Amino acid sequence: MKKNVIEIKSIIKHYGEVRAVDGVTFNVVKGETIGLIGHNGAGKSTLFKMMLGLIPPTSGEIIINGTPVHGSAFRELRRSIGYLPENVVFYDNLTGLETLKFFAALKGCSQDECQLLLEKVGLAHAASRRVDGYSKGMRQRLGFAQALLGNPRILFLDEPTTGLDPEAIREFYQILHDLNTQGVTVVITSHILSEIQERVQRLAVLKTGKLHALGTVQELRESVNLPLIIKLRHHCLQGILQSSLLGIILESSIFNDATAEIRCQRAQKMEVLHRLAMLSELEDIIVREPSLEDVFLGYAV
């Protein structure tokens, strides 16, 4: 079994009468990327800040690498943690390289890695350019480079791909994948659910401060029990197609001359596919699983 790097135990955070986080408990294992998703106000940012030790919980405990977040030893442990906030702010009169060297000095790590990190995130060409001339995507890349200073073993990334183009997003997740294989643990939030559904090992769904669900994308799909969509291309008589599915209760079905769309429960999938496969007139079958967005909306109801 992999080691638990982050342990969140019955965490509660009150702001007056508002329970921003309400009894959340889960663990994150070494080398895992876990996604936090939820509506605005679900408690994601508050939980992030508590894991970073920026605000104290009202009750409960957070332990990172065996060290309580609000213990005296956490100050030193924090050097092994990288953080990219949602809204990155830099000194505009510094260059990209000067900015990284400034943060390296604050973090107490070597400035020799700054140029290499700029190359890693695709900013080597702009190292000597002032940050006030950076685009939103370039600032986001610089923020990511800042989070990677000192070879952190844990990364907290809050909406990290904001402003990035598709190529930059792919490069970003490739870096995260490489870090995972090296044992780096990542906690990430994103509102772009289609972007993260194949790039995280597990997801934690927060709703009104509570942990509503936890698991892999497939586990969450199965627990919500949303219908599958089966799309067909065919050249058979509509009556034959419909009669082949007699006795199976479908969520819905639309039959046209050359195409059809069938919605069925997961438990019926294999029977539906078995019967359809017996029809020689079929040209193609496409099975679409519920997307992460579908799953999230299913939990949000």
Protein backbone atom coordinates (compact mmCIF):
# COMPACT_ATOMS: atom_id res chain seq x y z
CA MET A 1 0.00 0.00 0.00
CA LYS A 2 1.16 3.52 -0.77
CA LYS A 3 1.89 5.90 2.07
CA ASN A 4 -0.68 8.52 3.05
CA VAL A 5 0.99 11.89 2.41
CA ILE A 6 -2.02 14.05 3.37
CA GLU A 7 -4.52 13.05 6.08
CA ILE A 8 -7.61 15.22 6.55
CA LYS A 9 -9.54 14.25 9.66
CA SER A 10 -13.04 15.63 10.36
CA ILE A 11 -12.07 19.17 9.35
CA ILE A 12 -14.58 21.91 10.13
CA LYS A 13 -14.19 25.62 9.40
CA HIS A 14 -16.75 28.19 10.55
CA TYR A 15 -17.02 31.81 9.48
CA GLY A 16 -19.63 33.03 11.93
CA GLU A 17 -22.72 30.94 11.22
CA VAL A 18 -21.40 29.77 7.84
CA ARG A 19 -19.81 26.32 7.73
CA ALA A 20 -17.38 26.73 4.85
CA VAL A 21 -16.00 23.21 5.44
CA ASP A 22 -18.14 20.76 7.34
CA GLY A 23 -16.63 17.51 8.63
CA VAL A 24 -14.42 16.61 5.64
CA THR A 25 -12.29 13.45 5.94
CA PHE A 26 -10.07 11.82 3.30
CA ASN A 27 -6.45 10.84 2.60
CA VAL A 28 -4.13 11.49 -0.35
CA VAL A 29 -1.44 8.90 -1.13
CA LYS A 30 2.10 9.42 -2.35
CA GLY A 31 2.43 10.04 -6.10
CA GLU A 32 -1.29 10.63 -6.59
CA THR A 33 -3.03 13.51 -8.35
CA ILE A 34 -6.38 14.17 -6.71
CA GLY A 35 -8.85 16.72 -8.01
CA LEU A 36 -11.12 18.87 -5.83
CA ILE A 37 -14.29 19.88 -7.66
CA GLY A 38 -17.43 21.67 -6.59
CA HIS A 39 -19.57 24.75 -7.16
CA ASN A 40 -18.33 28.19 -6.18
CA GLY A 41 -18.62 28.35 -2.41
CA ALA A 42 -18.37 24.58 -2.00
CA GLY A 43 -15.33 24.95 0.31
CA LYS A 44 -12.46 24.09 -2.05
CA SER A 45 -10.39 27.25 -1.50
CA THR A 46 -10.96 27.18 2.26
CA LEU A 47 -9.79 23.57 2.43
CA PHE A 48 -6.75 24.49 0.31
CA LYS A 49 -5.80 27.29 2.70
CA MET A 50 -6.12 25.00 5.72
CA MET A 51 -3.93 22.33 4.10
CA LEU A 52 -1.31 25.02 3.47
CA GLY A 53 -1.50 26.25 7.05
CA LEU A 54 -2.66 29.71 5.95
CA ILE A 55 -5.81 29.57 8.11
CA PRO A 56 -6.57 27.36 11.14
CA PRO A 57 -9.50 24.93 11.20
CA THR A 58 -12.27 25.42 13.71
CA SER A 59 -11.87 21.74 14.61
CA GLY A 60 -10.35 18.59 13.20
CA GLU A 61 -6.79 17.86 12.12
CA ILE A 62 -4.68 17.94 8.96
CA ILE A 63 -1.44 15.95 8.87
CA ILE A 64 1.08 16.20 6.03
CA ASN A 65 3.93 13.70 5.89
CA GLY A 66 3.26 12.81 9.53
CA THR A 67 3.43 16.44 10.66
CA PRO A 68 0.38 18.38 11.96
CA VAL A 69 -0.17 21.44 9.79
CA HIS A 70 -0.31 23.75 12.80
CA GLY A 71 2.53 22.06 14.69
CA SER A 72 5.89 23.72 15.24
CA ALA A 73 7.59 21.40 12.73
CA PHE A 74 5.32 22.41 9.83
CA ARG A 75 7.28 25.59 9.06
CA GLU A 76 10.24 23.51 7.91
CA LEU A 77 8.05 20.94 6.14
CA ARG A 78 6.42 23.73 4.11
CA ARG A 79 9.68 24.07 2.17
CA SER A 80 8.80 20.76 0.48
CA ILE A 81 5.41 22.12 -0.66
CA GLY A 82 4.72 24.07 -3.86
CA TYR A 83 1.65 26.28 -4.24
CA LEU A 84 0.09 27.98 -7.26
CA PRO A 85 -2.84 30.25 -6.24
CA GLU A 86 -5.77 30.90 -8.55
CA ASN A 87 -4.85 34.56 -9.03
CA VAL A 88 -1.11 34.95 -9.59
CA VAL A 89 0.35 38.36 -8.73
CA PHE A 90 3.94 39.38 -9.50
CA TYR A 91 6.04 42.55 -9.40
CA ASP A 92 5.60 43.95 -12.90
CA ASN A 93 8.97 45.73 -12.96
CA LEU A 94 10.93 42.48 -12.55
CA THR A 95 11.83 40.14 -15.39
CA GLY A 96 10.69 36.53 -15.40
CA LEU A 97 14.13 35.34 -14.27
CA GLU A 98 14.38 37.99 -11.56
CA THR A 99 10.93 36.99 -10.31
CA LEU A 100 11.93 33.37 -9.93
CA LYS A 101 15.18 34.32 -8.20
CA PHE A 102 13.19 36.49 -5.79
CA PHE A 103 10.92 33.57 -4.86
CA ALA A 104 13.91 31.21 -4.66
CA ALA A 105 15.47 33.55 -2.08
CA LEU A 106 12.22 33.63 -0.10
CA LYS A 107 12.00 29.84 -0.16
CA GLY A 108 15.68 29.38 0.69
CA CYS A 109 16.45 27.25 -2.36
CA SER A 110 19.17 27.51 -5.01
CA GLN A 111 18.76 30.17 -7.68
CA ASP A 112 20.67 27.98 -10.13
CA GLU A 113 17.47 26.12 -11.03
CA CYS A 114 15.55 29.26 -12.07
CA GLN A 115 16.66 29.30 -15.71
CA LEU A 116 16.04 25.55 -16.03
CA LEU A 117 12.52 25.94 -14.66
CA LEU A 118 11.76 28.71 -17.15
CA GLU A 119 12.83 26.33 -19.91
CA LYS A 120 10.69 23.58 -18.42
CA VAL A 121 7.51 25.70 -18.52
CA GLY A 122 8.26 27.20 -21.95
CA LEU A 123 9.37 30.69 -20.85
CA ALA A 124 13.08 30.59 -21.65
CA HIS A 125 12.55 33.03 -24.53
CA ALA A 126 10.99 35.57 -22.14
CA ALA A 127 13.38 35.18 -19.21
CA SER A 128 14.78 38.71 -19.56
CA ARG A 129 11.44 40.33 -20.41
CA ARG A 130 9.62 42.35 -17.74
CA VAL A 131 6.57 40.64 -16.30
CA ASP A 132 4.32 43.59 -17.16
CA GLY A 133 4.71 42.50 -20.79
CA TYR A 134 3.59 38.92 -20.08
CA SER A 135 0.23 37.62 -21.27
CA LYS A 136 -2.16 35.88 -18.87
CA GLY A 137 -0.92 32.48 -20.03
CA MET A 138 2.72 33.49 -19.60
CA ARG A 139 2.02 34.69 -16.05
CA GLN A 140 0.36 31.36 -15.35
CA ARG A 141 3.43 29.49 -16.63
CA LEU A 142 5.64 31.69 -14.43
CA GLY A 143 3.41 30.90 -11.46
CA PHE A 144 3.80 27.20 -12.16
CA ALA A 145 7.58 27.59 -12.35
CA GLN A 146 7.46 29.36 -8.97
CA ALA A 147 5.50 26.44 -7.49
CA LEU A 148 8.17 24.01 -8.76
CA LEU A 149 11.06 25.83 -7.02
CA GLY A 150 12.99 23.63 -4.63
CA ASN A 151 11.74 20.31 -6.11
CA PRO A 152 8.61 20.12 -3.91
CA ARG A 153 7.24 16.69 -2.97
CA ILE A 154 3.68 18.03 -2.68
CA LEU A 155 1.97 20.49 -5.05
CA PHE A 156 -1.22 22.46 -4.40
CA LEU A 157 -2.53 23.92 -7.68
CA ASP A 158 -5.62 26.14 -7.70
CA GLU A 159 -7.10 26.51 -11.22
CA PRO A 160 -3.60 26.12 -12.71
CA THR A 161 -4.46 26.15 -16.42
CA THR A 162 -6.37 29.45 -16.48
CA GLY A 163 -5.29 31.38 -19.56
CA LEU A 164 -3.26 28.53 -21.09
CA ASP A 165 -3.76 27.48 -24.71
CA PRO A 166 -4.42 23.79 -25.56
CA GLU A 167 -0.76 23.03 -26.28
CA ALA A 168 0.35 24.60 -23.00
CA ILE A 169 -2.33 22.64 -21.11
CA ARG A 170 -1.06 19.39 -22.59
CA GLU A 171 2.52 20.29 -21.65
CA PHE A 172 1.41 21.23 -18.13
CA TYR A 173 -0.27 17.87 -17.52
CA GLN A 174 2.71 16.02 -19.00
CA ILE A 175 4.91 17.71 -16.39
CA LEU A 176 2.45 16.66 -13.68
CA HIS A 177 2.46 13.08 -14.97
CA ASP A 178 6.27 13.00 -14.89
CA LEU A 179 6.23 14.39 -11.34
CA ASN A 180 3.74 11.71 -10.26
CA THR A 181 6.06 8.98 -11.51
CA GLN A 182 8.77 10.54 -9.32
CA GLY A 183 6.52 10.28 -6.26
CA VAL A 184 5.28 13.88 -6.17
CA THR A 185 1.74 14.24 -4.77
CA VAL A 186 -0.61 16.77 -6.39
CA VAL A 187 -3.86 18.34 -5.20
CA ILE A 188 -5.57 20.32 -7.97
CA THR A 189 -8.79 22.30 -8.40
CA SER A 190 -10.37 23.06 -11.75
CA HIS A 191 -13.73 24.18 -13.11
CA ILE A 192 -12.83 22.71 -16.51
CA LEU A 193 -14.05 19.19 -15.76
CA SER A 194 -13.45 17.80 -19.26
CA GLU A 195 -9.79 18.76 -18.87
CA ILE A 196 -9.10 16.84 -15.67
CA GLN A 197 -11.31 13.76 -15.98
CA GLU A 198 -8.59 11.62 -17.60
CA ARG A 199 -5.69 13.31 -15.78
CA VAL A 200 -6.40 12.66 -12.10
CA GLN A 201 -6.37 9.37 -10.23
CA ARG A 202 -9.24 10.32 -7.93
CA LEU A 203 -11.76 13.10 -7.41
CA ALA A 204 -13.23 14.63 -4.26
CA VAL A 205 -16.61 16.27 -4.86
CA LEU A 206 -17.44 19.04 -2.38
CA LYS A 207 -20.93 20.43 -1.90
CA THR A 208 -21.88 23.10 0.67
CA GLY A 209 -18.73 22.34 2.64
CA LYS A 210 -19.26 18.58 2.83
CA LEU A 211 -17.42 15.78 1.03
CA HIS A 212 -20.18 14.54 -1.23
CA ALA A 213 -18.24 11.80 -3.06
CA LEU A 214 -14.71 10.43 -3.37
CA GLY A 215 -13.29 8.00 -5.93
CA THR A 216 -12.06 7.46 -9.45
CA VAL A 217 -14.04 8.91 -12.35
CA GLN A 218 -15.37 5.44 -13.14
CA GLU A 219 -16.38 4.81 -9.52
CA LEU A 220 -18.25 8.10 -9.44
CA ARG A 221 -19.95 7.27 -12.76
CA GLU A 222 -21.18 3.97 -11.40
CA SER A 223 -22.39 5.42 -8.09
CA VAL A 224 -24.47 8.13 -9.79
CA ASN A 225 -25.93 5.48 -12.15
CA LEU A 226 -26.43 7.77 -15.11
CA PRO A 227 -27.55 6.22 -18.40
CA LEU A 228 -25.10 5.28 -21.12
CA ILE A 229 -25.58 6.56 -24.65
CA ILE A 230 -25.20 4.07 -27.50
CA LYS A 231 -25.07 5.56 -30.99
CA LEU A 232 -25.54 3.40 -34.09
CA ARG A 233 -24.97 3.71 -37.81
CA HIS A 234 -26.99 1.15 -39.73
CA HIS A 235 -28.72 0.27 -42.96
CA CYS A 236 -31.45 -2.03 -41.68
CA LEU A 237 -35.21 -1.58 -41.36
CA GLN A 238 -36.21 0.43 -38.31
CA GLY A 239 -38.65 -2.28 -37.23
CA ILE A 240 -35.90 -4.92 -37.17
CA LEU A 241 -33.70 -2.67 -35.06
CA GLN A 242 -36.49 -1.99 -32.59
CA SER A 243 -37.59 -5.64 -32.37
CA SER A 244 -34.03 -6.72 -31.57
CA LEU A 245 -34.30 -4.78 -28.30
CA LEU A 246 -37.76 -6.02 -27.24
CA GLY A 247 -37.97 -6.80 -23.54
CA ILE A 248 -35.23 -4.36 -22.55
CA ILE A 249 -36.41 -1.24 -20.73
CA LEU A 250 -34.57 1.68 -22.27
CA GLU A 251 -34.26 5.19 -20.84
CA SER A 252 -34.99 6.55 -24.32
CA SER A 253 -34.46 5.70 -27.96
CA ILE A 254 -34.43 7.64 -31.22
CA PHE A 255 -34.50 5.64 -34.48
CA ASN A 256 -33.84 7.23 -37.85
CA ASP A 257 -33.25 5.82 -41.32
CA ALA A 258 -29.46 5.55 -40.97
CA THR A 259 -28.73 6.35 -37.32
CA ALA A 260 -30.10 5.61 -33.87
CA GLU A 261 -29.42 6.74 -30.31
CA ILE A 262 -30.25 4.53 -27.34
CA ARG A 263 -29.98 5.43 -23.65
CA CYS A 264 -29.83 2.55 -21.20
CA GLN A 265 -28.77 1.81 -17.65
CA ARG A 266 -25.27 0.42 -17.09
CA ALA A 267 -26.66 -2.96 -15.99
CA GLN A 268 -28.30 -3.38 -19.41
CA LYS A 269 -25.27 -2.41 -21.49
CA MET A 270 -23.93 -5.88 -22.27
CA GLU A 271 -27.35 -7.29 -23.17
CA VAL A 272 -28.05 -4.34 -25.49
CA LEU A 273 -24.64 -4.68 -27.17
CA HIS A 274 -25.03 -8.46 -27.49
CA ARG A 275 -28.34 -8.14 -29.32
CA LEU A 276 -27.12 -5.32 -31.55
CA ALA A 277 -23.97 -7.26 -32.46
CA MET A 278 -26.16 -9.97 -33.99
CA LEU A 279 -27.45 -7.54 -36.62
CA SER A 280 -25.31 -7.76 -39.74
CA GLU A 281 -26.73 -4.48 -41.04
CA LEU A 282 -24.93 -2.40 -38.39
CA GLU A 283 -22.03 -0.28 -39.65
CA ASP A 284 -20.80 1.19 -36.35
CA ILE A 285 -21.52 1.27 -32.60
CA ILE A 286 -20.28 4.04 -30.30
CA VAL A 287 -20.77 3.78 -26.53
CA ARG A 288 -20.47 7.05 -24.63
CA GLU A 289 -19.94 6.96 -20.87
CA PRO A 290 -21.26 9.89 -18.81
CA SER A 291 -18.67 12.68 -18.82
CA LEU A 292 -17.26 14.08 -15.59
CA GLU A 293 -19.50 17.10 -16.14
CA ASP A 294 -22.53 14.77 -16.31
CA VAL A 295 -21.39 13.05 -13.11
CA PHE A 296 -20.80 16.34 -11.32
CA LEU A 297 -24.25 17.64 -12.26
CA GLY A 298 -25.69 14.30 -11.10
CA TYR A 299 -24.16 14.83 -7.66
CA ALA A 300 -25.15 18.48 -7.62
CA VAL A 301 -28.87 17.73 -7.85
